[in-house]
Amino acid sequence: MKTYCEMTDGTFTCDDISYQYRLEIKGRLNNAAGDSVYVYLSNLPDISFEQAWRASGLSSNTDDYFDVKDAVLVEMK
């Protein structure tokens, strides 16, 4: 979804913004046959599965989305 790089200091960059964490958030949506995995680059140390799926674009409420300085979705598995 987005190209990102891991830096030598262990941080990550995407679209010229630096992030401290790469989080793989796994869970199951209601009535889904299997688990979903959301990969976020984040300056937040923890993102719940509910926050992750809502911010991925599945919520119609834009208040559920992260500010790009806080977190960005880079992969969905």
PDB file of N, CA and C in Angstrom:
ATOM      1  N   MET A   1       0.810  -1.181   0.000  1.00  0.00           N
ATOM      2  CA  MET A   1       0.000   0.000   0.000  1.00  0.00           C
ATOM      3  C   MET A   1       0.865   1.261   0.000  1.00  0.00           C
ATOM      4  N   LYS A   2       1.881   1.281   0.857  1.00  0.00           N
ATOM      5  CA  LYS A   2       2.795   2.418   0.933  1.00  0.00           C
ATOM      6  C   LYS A   2       4.212   1.881   1.004  1.00  0.00           C
ATOM      7  N   THR A   3       5.126   2.591   0.390  1.00  0.00           N
ATOM      8  CA  THR A   3       6.537   2.235   0.462  1.00  0.00           C
ATOM      9  C   THR A   3       7.138   2.890   1.697  1.00  0.00           C
ATOM     10  N   TYR A   4       7.935   2.120   2.429  1.00  0.00           N
ATOM     11  CA  TYR A   4       8.587   2.664   3.625  1.00  0.00           C
ATOM     12  C   TYR A   4       9.960   2.036   3.762  1.00  0.00           C
ATOM     13  N   CYS A   5      10.795   2.672   4.570  1.00  0.00           N
ATOM     14  CA  CYS A   5      12.168   2.204   4.775  1.00  0.00           C
ATOM     15  C   CYS A   5      12.466   2.114   6.265  1.00  0.00           C
ATOM     16  N   GLU A   6      13.232   1.093   6.633  1.00  0.00           N
ATOM     17  CA  GLU A   6      13.745   1.025   7.997  1.00  0.00           C
ATOM     18  C   GLU A   6      15.105   1.703   8.002  1.00  0.00           C
ATOM     19  N   MET A   7      15.298   2.614   8.924  1.00  0.00           N
ATOM     20  CA  MET A   7      16.536   3.369   9.023  1.00  0.00           C
ATOM     21  C   MET A   7      17.535   2.625   9.909  1.00  0.00           C
ATOM     22  N   THR A   8      18.783   3.024   9.853  1.00  0.00           N
ATOM     23  CA  THR A   8      19.830   2.353  10.634  1.00  0.00           C
ATOM     24  C   THR A   8      19.629   2.513  12.139  1.00  0.00           C
ATOM     25  N   ASP A   9      18.897   3.541  12.564  1.00  0.00           N
ATOM     26  CA  ASP A   9      18.643   3.740  13.992  1.00  0.00           C
ATOM     27  C   ASP A   9      17.417   2.977  14.491  1.00  0.00           C
ATOM     28  N   GLY A  10      16.792   2.179  13.604  1.00  0.00           N
ATOM     29  CA  GLY A  10      15.642   1.368  13.997  1.00  0.00           C
ATOM     30  C   GLY A  10      14.304   2.051  13.813  1.00  0.00           C
ATOM     31  N   THR A  11      14.284   3.293  13.370  1.00  0.00           N
ATOM     32  CA  THR A  11      13.023   3.965  13.073  1.00  0.00           C
ATOM     33  C   THR A  11      12.629   3.663  11.633  1.00  0.00           C
ATOM     34  N   PHE A  12      11.469   4.129  11.245  1.00  0.00           N
ATOM     35  CA  PHE A  12      10.941   3.890   9.902  1.00  0.00           C
ATOM     36  C   PHE A  12      10.534   5.225   9.287  1.00  0.00           C
ATOM     37  N   THR A  13      10.657   5.336   7.966  1.00  0.00           N
ATOM     38  CA  THR A  13      10.203   6.543   7.283  1.00  0.00           C
ATOM     39  C   THR A  13       9.237   6.171   6.173  1.00  0.00           C
ATOM     40  N   CYS A  14       8.261   7.037   5.985  1.00  0.00           N
ATOM     41  CA  CYS A  14       7.278   6.899   4.922  1.00  0.00           C
ATOM     42  C   CYS A  14       6.825   8.310   4.552  1.00  0.00           C
ATOM     43  N   ASP A  15       6.909   8.642   3.286  1.00  0.00           N
ATOM     44  CA  ASP A  15       6.511   9.978   2.818  1.00  0.00           C
ATOM     45  C   ASP A  15       7.168  11.084   3.636  1.00  0.00           C
ATOM     46  N   ASP A  16       8.465  10.922   3.905  1.00  0.00           N
ATOM     47  CA  ASP A  16       9.279  11.923   4.621  1.00  0.00           C
ATOM     48  C   ASP A  16       8.865  12.162   6.068  1.00  0.00           C
ATOM     49  N   ILE A  17       8.120  11.224   6.654  1.00  0.00           N
ATOM     50  CA  ILE A  17       7.759  11.303   8.068  1.00  0.00           C
ATOM     51  C   ILE A  17       8.407  10.128   8.778  1.00  0.00           C
ATOM     52  N   SER A  18       8.989  10.385   9.936  1.00  0.00           N
ATOM     53  CA  SER A  18       9.675   9.358  10.709  1.00  0.00           C
ATOM     54  C   SER A  18       8.726   8.772  11.761  1.00  0.00           C
ATOM     55  N   TYR A  19       8.792   7.440  11.916  1.00  0.00           N
ATOM     56  CA  TYR A  19       7.952   6.729  12.884  1.00  0.00           C
ATOM     57  C   TYR A  19       8.832   5.851  13.765  1.00  0.00           C
ATOM     58  N   GLN A  20       8.475   5.735  15.023  1.00  0.00           N
ATOM     59  CA  GLN A  20       9.243   4.935  15.977  1.00  0.00           C
ATOM     60  C   GLN A  20       8.938   3.445  15.903  1.00  0.00           C
ATOM     61  N   TYR A  21       7.712   3.085  15.540  1.00  0.00           N
ATOM     62  CA  TYR A  21       7.272   1.695  15.636  1.00  0.00           C
ATOM     63  C   TYR A  21       6.718   1.171  14.313  1.00  0.00           C
ATOM     64  N   ARG A  22       6.886  -0.133  14.119  1.00  0.00           N
ATOM     65  CA  ARG A  22       6.197  -0.871  13.054  1.00  0.00           C
ATOM     66  C   ARG A  22       5.342  -1.907  13.768  1.00  0.00           C
ATOM     67  N   LEU A  23       4.035  -1.739  13.701  1.00  0.00           N
ATOM     68  CA  LEU A  23       3.113  -2.594  14.448  1.00  0.00           C
ATOM     69  C   LEU A  23       2.345  -3.512  13.502  1.00  0.00           C
ATOM     70  N   GLU A  24       2.347  -4.804  13.775  1.00  0.00           N
ATOM     71  CA  GLU A  24       1.496  -5.767  13.070  1.00  0.00           C
ATOM     72  C   GLU A  24       0.350  -6.101  14.000  1.00  0.00           C
ATOM     73  N   ILE A  25      -0.853  -5.700  13.602  1.00  0.00           N
ATOM     74  CA  ILE A  25      -2.022  -5.818  14.452  1.00  0.00           C
ATOM     75  C   ILE A  25      -2.953  -6.863  13.838  1.00  0.00           C
ATOM     76  N   LYS A  26      -3.171  -7.940  14.570  1.00  0.00           N
ATOM     77  CA  LYS A  26      -3.921  -9.080  14.047  1.00  0.00           C
ATOM     78  C   LYS A  26      -5.217  -9.267  14.820  1.00  0.00           C
ATOM     79  N   GLY A  27      -6.275  -9.584  14.093  1.00  0.00           N
ATOM     80  CA  GLY A  27      -7.560  -9.854  14.717  1.00  0.00           C
ATOM     81  C   GLY A  27      -8.551 -10.320  13.675  1.00  0.00           C
ATOM     82  N   ARG A  28      -9.790 -10.521  14.106  1.00  0.00           N
ATOM     83  CA  ARG A  28     -10.819 -11.010  13.200  1.00  0.00           C
ATOM     84  C   ARG A  28     -12.022 -10.072  13.232  1.00  0.00           C
ATOM     85  N   LEU A  29     -12.422  -9.632  12.046  1.00  0.00           N
ATOM     86  CA  LEU A  29     -13.624  -8.821  11.909  1.00  0.00           C
ATOM     87  C   LEU A  29     -14.854  -9.710  12.095  1.00  0.00           C
ATOM     88  N   ASN A  30     -15.963  -9.122  12.517  1.00  0.00           N
ATOM     89  CA  ASN A  30     -17.203  -9.887  12.688  1.00  0.00           C
ATOM     90  C   ASN A  30     -17.573 -10.613  11.399  1.00  0.00           C
ATOM     91  N   ASN A  31     -17.942 -11.865  11.525  1.00  0.00           N
ATOM     92  CA  ASN A  31     -18.387 -12.713  10.412  1.00  0.00           C
ATOM     93  C   ASN A  31     -17.310 -12.988   9.370  1.00  0.00           C
ATOM     94  N   ALA A  32     -16.054 -12.691   9.660  1.00  0.00           N
ATOM     95  CA  ALA A  32     -14.969 -12.971   8.717  1.00  0.00           C
ATOM     96  C   ALA A  32     -14.546 -14.428   8.839  1.00  0.00           C
ATOM     97  N   ALA A  33     -14.115 -15.007   7.732  1.00  0.00           N
ATOM     98  CA  ALA A  33     -13.678 -16.404   7.722  1.00  0.00           C
ATOM     99  C   ALA A  33     -12.280 -16.565   8.317  1.00  0.00           C
ATOM    100  N   GLY A  34     -11.476 -15.500   8.282  1.00  0.00           N
ATOM    101  CA  GLY A  34     -10.109 -15.590   8.790  1.00  0.00           C
ATOM    102  C   GLY A  34      -9.672 -14.278   9.413  1.00  0.00           C
ATOM    103  N   ASP A  35      -8.467 -14.297   9.950  1.00  0.00           N
ATOM    104  CA  ASP A  35      -7.911 -13.116  10.592  1.00  0.00           C
ATOM    105  C   ASP A  35      -7.447 -12.097   9.566  1.00  0.00           C
ATOM    106  N   SER A  36      -7.417 -10.852   9.990  1.00  0.00           N
ATOM    107  CA  SER A  36      -6.852  -9.758   9.206  1.00  0.00           C
ATOM    108  C   SER A  36      -5.627  -9.244   9.939  1.00  0.00           C
ATOM    109  N   VAL A  37      -4.638  -8.785   9.176  1.00  0.00           N
ATOM    110  CA  VAL A  37      -3.436  -8.193   9.763  1.00  0.00           C
ATOM    111  C   VAL A  37      -3.243  -6.821   9.134  1.00  0.00           C
ATOM    112  N   TYR A  38      -3.134  -5.821   9.989  1.00  0.00           N
ATOM    113  CA  TYR A  38      -2.875  -4.451   9.562  1.00  0.00           C
ATOM    114  C   TYR A  38      -1.480  -4.083  10.023  1.00  0.00           C
ATOM    115  N   VAL A  39      -0.667  -3.557   9.114  1.00  0.00           N
ATOM    116  CA  VAL A  39       0.686  -3.130   9.458  1.00  0.00           C
ATOM    117  C   VAL A  39       0.710  -1.609   9.411  1.00  0.00           C
ATOM    118  N   TYR A  40       0.994  -1.024  10.556  1.00  0.00           N
ATOM    119  CA  TYR A  40       1.064   0.426  10.694  1.00  0.00           C
ATOM    120  C   TYR A  40       2.469   0.842  11.083  1.00  0.00           C
ATOM    121  N   LEU A  41       2.930   1.948  10.521  1.00  0.00           N
ATOM    122  CA  LEU A  41       4.076   2.655  11.074  1.00  0.00           C
ATOM    123  C   LEU A  41       3.465   3.670  12.022  1.00  0.00           C
ATOM    124  N   SER A  42       4.036   3.798  13.211  1.00  0.00           N
ATOM    125  CA  SER A  42       3.351   4.573  14.233  1.00  0.00           C
ATOM    126  C   SER A  42       4.317   5.277  15.164  1.00  0.00           C
ATOM    127  N   ASN A  43       3.896   6.400  15.676  1.00  0.00           N
ATOM    128  CA  ASN A  43       4.568   7.059  16.793  1.00  0.00           C
ATOM    129  C   ASN A  43       3.805   6.816  18.083  1.00  0.00           C
ATOM    130  N   LEU A  44       2.742   6.030  17.996  1.00  0.00           N
ATOM    131  CA  LEU A  44       1.983   5.572  19.156  1.00  0.00           C
ATOM    132  C   LEU A  44       2.485   4.174  19.504  1.00  0.00           C
ATOM    133  N   PRO A  45       2.776   3.893  20.766  1.00  0.00           N
ATOM    134  CA  PRO A  45       3.343   2.588  21.102  1.00  0.00           C
ATOM    135  C   PRO A  45       2.374   1.422  20.955  1.00  0.00           C
ATOM    136  N   ASP A  46       1.065   1.700  20.942  1.00  0.00           N
ATOM    137  CA  ASP A  46       0.092   0.616  20.875  1.00  0.00           C
ATOM    138  C   ASP A  46      -1.147   1.088  20.108  1.00  0.00           C
ATOM    139  N   ILE A  47      -1.638   0.237  19.205  1.00  0.00           N
ATOM    140  CA  ILE A  47      -2.874   0.480  18.475  1.00  0.00           C
ATOM    141  C   ILE A  47      -3.705  -0.798  18.597  1.00  0.00           C
ATOM    142  N   SER A  48      -4.941  -0.659  19.036  1.00  0.00           N
ATOM    143  CA  SER A  48      -5.798  -1.832  19.180  1.00  0.00           C
ATOM    144  C   SER A  48      -6.286  -2.296  17.803  1.00  0.00           C
ATOM    145  N   PHE A  49      -6.772  -3.536  17.748  1.00  0.00           N
ATOM    146  CA  PHE A  49      -7.309  -4.041  16.488  1.00  0.00           C
ATOM    147  C   PHE A  49      -8.498  -3.206  16.038  1.00  0.00           C
ATOM    148  N   GLU A  50      -9.351  -2.804  16.972  1.00  0.00           N
ATOM    149  CA  GLU A  50     -10.515  -1.992  16.613  1.00  0.00           C
ATOM    150  C   GLU A  50     -10.082  -0.646  16.024  1.00  0.00           C
ATOM    151  N   GLN A  51      -9.094  -0.006  16.631  1.00  0.00           N
ATOM    152  CA  GLN A  51      -8.578   1.251  16.073  1.00  0.00           C
ATOM    153  C   GLN A  51      -7.996   1.019  14.682  1.00  0.00           C
ATOM    154  N   ALA A  52      -7.278  -0.091  14.515  1.00  0.00           N
ATOM    155  CA  ALA A  52      -6.615  -0.387  13.246  1.00  0.00           C
ATOM    156  C   ALA A  52      -7.610  -0.579  12.112  1.00  0.00           C
ATOM    157  N   TRP A  53      -8.651  -1.386  12.330  1.00  0.00           N
ATOM    158  CA  TRP A  53      -9.575  -1.623  11.217  1.00  0.00           C
ATOM    159  C   TRP A  53     -10.412  -0.391  10.921  1.00  0.00           C
ATOM    160  N   ARG A  54     -10.770   0.361  11.951  1.00  0.00           N
ATOM    161  CA  ARG A  54     -11.547   1.582  11.709  1.00  0.00           C
ATOM    162  C   ARG A  54     -10.726   2.593  10.906  1.00  0.00           C
ATOM    163  N   ALA A  55      -9.475   2.772  11.280  1.00  0.00           N
ATOM    164  CA  ALA A  55      -8.608   3.756  10.617  1.00  0.00           C
ATOM    165  C   ALA A  55      -8.175   3.303   9.221  1.00  0.00           C
ATOM    166  N   SER A  56      -8.369   2.026   8.915  1.00  0.00           N
ATOM    167  CA  SER A  56      -7.941   1.513   7.605  1.00  0.00           C
ATOM    168  C   SER A  56      -8.831   1.986   6.460  1.00  0.00           C
ATOM    169  N   GLY A  57      -9.921   2.650   6.790  1.00  0.00           N
ATOM    170  CA  GLY A  57     -10.851   3.118   5.770  1.00  0.00           C
ATOM    171  C   GLY A  57     -12.210   2.459   5.866  1.00  0.00           C
ATOM    172  N   LEU A  58     -12.364   1.520   6.797  1.00  0.00           N
ATOM    173  CA  LEU A  58     -13.642   0.824   6.939  1.00  0.00           C
ATOM    174  C   LEU A  58     -14.671   1.622   7.732  1.00  0.00           C
ATOM    175  N   SER A  59     -14.226   2.652   8.430  1.00  0.00           N
ATOM    176  CA  SER A  59     -15.154   3.493   9.174  1.00  0.00           C
ATOM    177  C   SER A  59     -15.566   4.685   8.321  1.00  0.00           C
ATOM    178  N   SER A  60     -16.827   5.046   8.400  1.00  0.00           N
ATOM    179  CA  SER A  60     -17.307   6.236   7.679  1.00  0.00           C
ATOM    180  C   SER A  60     -17.097   7.502   8.502  1.00  0.00           C
ATOM    181  N   ASN A  61     -16.626   7.352   9.736  1.00  0.00           N
ATOM    182  CA  ASN A  61     -16.375   8.489  10.613  1.00  0.00           C
ATOM    183  C   ASN A  61     -14.902   8.875  10.522  1.00  0.00           C
ATOM    184  N   THR A  62     -14.605  10.033   9.967  1.00  0.00           N
ATOM    185  CA  THR A  62     -13.201  10.438   9.797  1.00  0.00           C
ATOM    186  C   THR A  62     -12.495  10.692  11.125  1.00  0.00           C
ATOM    187  N   ASP A  63     -13.240  10.820  12.219  1.00  0.00           N
ATOM    188  CA  ASP A  63     -12.614  10.947  13.536  1.00  0.00           C
ATOM    189  C   ASP A  63     -11.881   9.660  13.931  1.00  0.00           C
ATOM    190  N   ASP A  64     -12.211   8.541  13.285  1.00  0.00           N
ATOM    191  CA  ASP A  64     -11.548   7.262  13.561  1.00  0.00           C
ATOM    192  C   ASP A  64     -10.186   7.145  12.882  1.00  0.00           C
ATOM    193  N   TYR A  65      -9.875   8.039  11.970  1.00  0.00           N
ATOM    194  CA  TYR A  65      -8.628   7.963  11.212  1.00  0.00           C
ATOM    195  C   TYR A  65      -7.493   8.615  12.000  1.00  0.00           C
ATOM    196  N   PHE A  66      -6.274   8.106  11.785  1.00  0.00           N
ATOM    197  CA  PHE A  66      -5.096   8.660  12.444  1.00  0.00           C
ATOM    198  C   PHE A  66      -4.580   9.868  11.683  1.00  0.00           C
ATOM    199  N   ASP A  67      -4.046  10.824  12.419  1.00  0.00           N
ATOM    200  CA  ASP A  67      -3.275  11.898  11.801  1.00  0.00           C
ATOM    201  C   ASP A  67      -2.009  11.252  11.250  1.00  0.00           C
ATOM    202  N   VAL A  68      -1.590  11.657  10.078  1.00  0.00           N
ATOM    203  CA  VAL A  68      -0.443  11.031   9.414  1.00  0.00           C
ATOM    204  C   VAL A  68       0.832  11.132  10.260  1.00  0.00           C
ATOM    205  N   LYS A  69       0.922  12.082  11.154  1.00  0.00           N
ATOM    206  CA  LYS A  69       2.088  12.199  12.043  1.00  0.00           C
ATOM    207  C   LYS A  69       2.063  11.153  13.148  1.00  0.00           C
ATOM    208  N   ASP A  70       0.870  10.603  13.434  1.00  0.00           N
ATOM    209  CA  ASP A  70       0.738   9.593  14.489  1.00  0.00           C
ATOM    210  C   ASP A  70       0.887   8.176  13.951  1.00  0.00           C
ATOM    211  N   ALA A  71       0.267   7.889  12.812  1.00  0.00           N
ATOM    212  CA  ALA A  71       0.319   6.527  12.277  1.00  0.00           C
ATOM    213  C   ALA A  71      -0.125   6.515  10.820  1.00  0.00           C
ATOM    214  N   VAL A  72       0.441   5.558  10.069  1.00  0.00           N
ATOM    215  CA  VAL A  72       0.070   5.378   8.659  1.00  0.00           C
ATOM    216  C   VAL A  72      -0.016   3.871   8.356  1.00  0.00           C
ATOM    217  N   LEU A  73      -1.067   3.480   7.650  1.00  0.00           N
ATOM    218  CA  LEU A  73      -1.243   2.090   7.240  1.00  0.00           C
ATOM    219  C   LEU A  73      -0.338   1.820   6.044  1.00  0.00           C
ATOM    220  N   VAL A  74       0.529   0.807   6.139  1.00  0.00           N
ATOM    221  CA  VAL A  74       1.450   0.511   5.046  1.00  0.00           C
ATOM    222  C   VAL A  74       1.197  -0.854   4.392  1.00  0.00           C
ATOM    223  N   GLU A  75       0.536  -1.762   5.105  1.00  0.00           N
ATOM    224  CA  GLU A  75       0.260  -3.098   4.548  1.00  0.00           C
ATOM    225  C   GLU A  75      -1.014  -3.661   5.183  1.00  0.00           C
ATOM    226  N   MET A  76      -1.708  -4.482   4.409  1.00  0.00           N
ATOM    227  CA  MET A  76      -2.804  -5.302   4.939  1.00  0.00           C
ATOM    228  C   MET A  76      -2.574  -6.713   4.427  1.00  0.00           C
ATOM    229  N   LYS A  77      -2.686  -7.669   5.328  1.00  0.00           N
ATOM    230  CA  LYS A  77      -2.462  -9.066   4.957  1.00  0.00           C
ATOM    231  C   LYS A  77      -3.718  -9.861   5.197  1.00  0.00           C
TER     232      LYS A  77
END
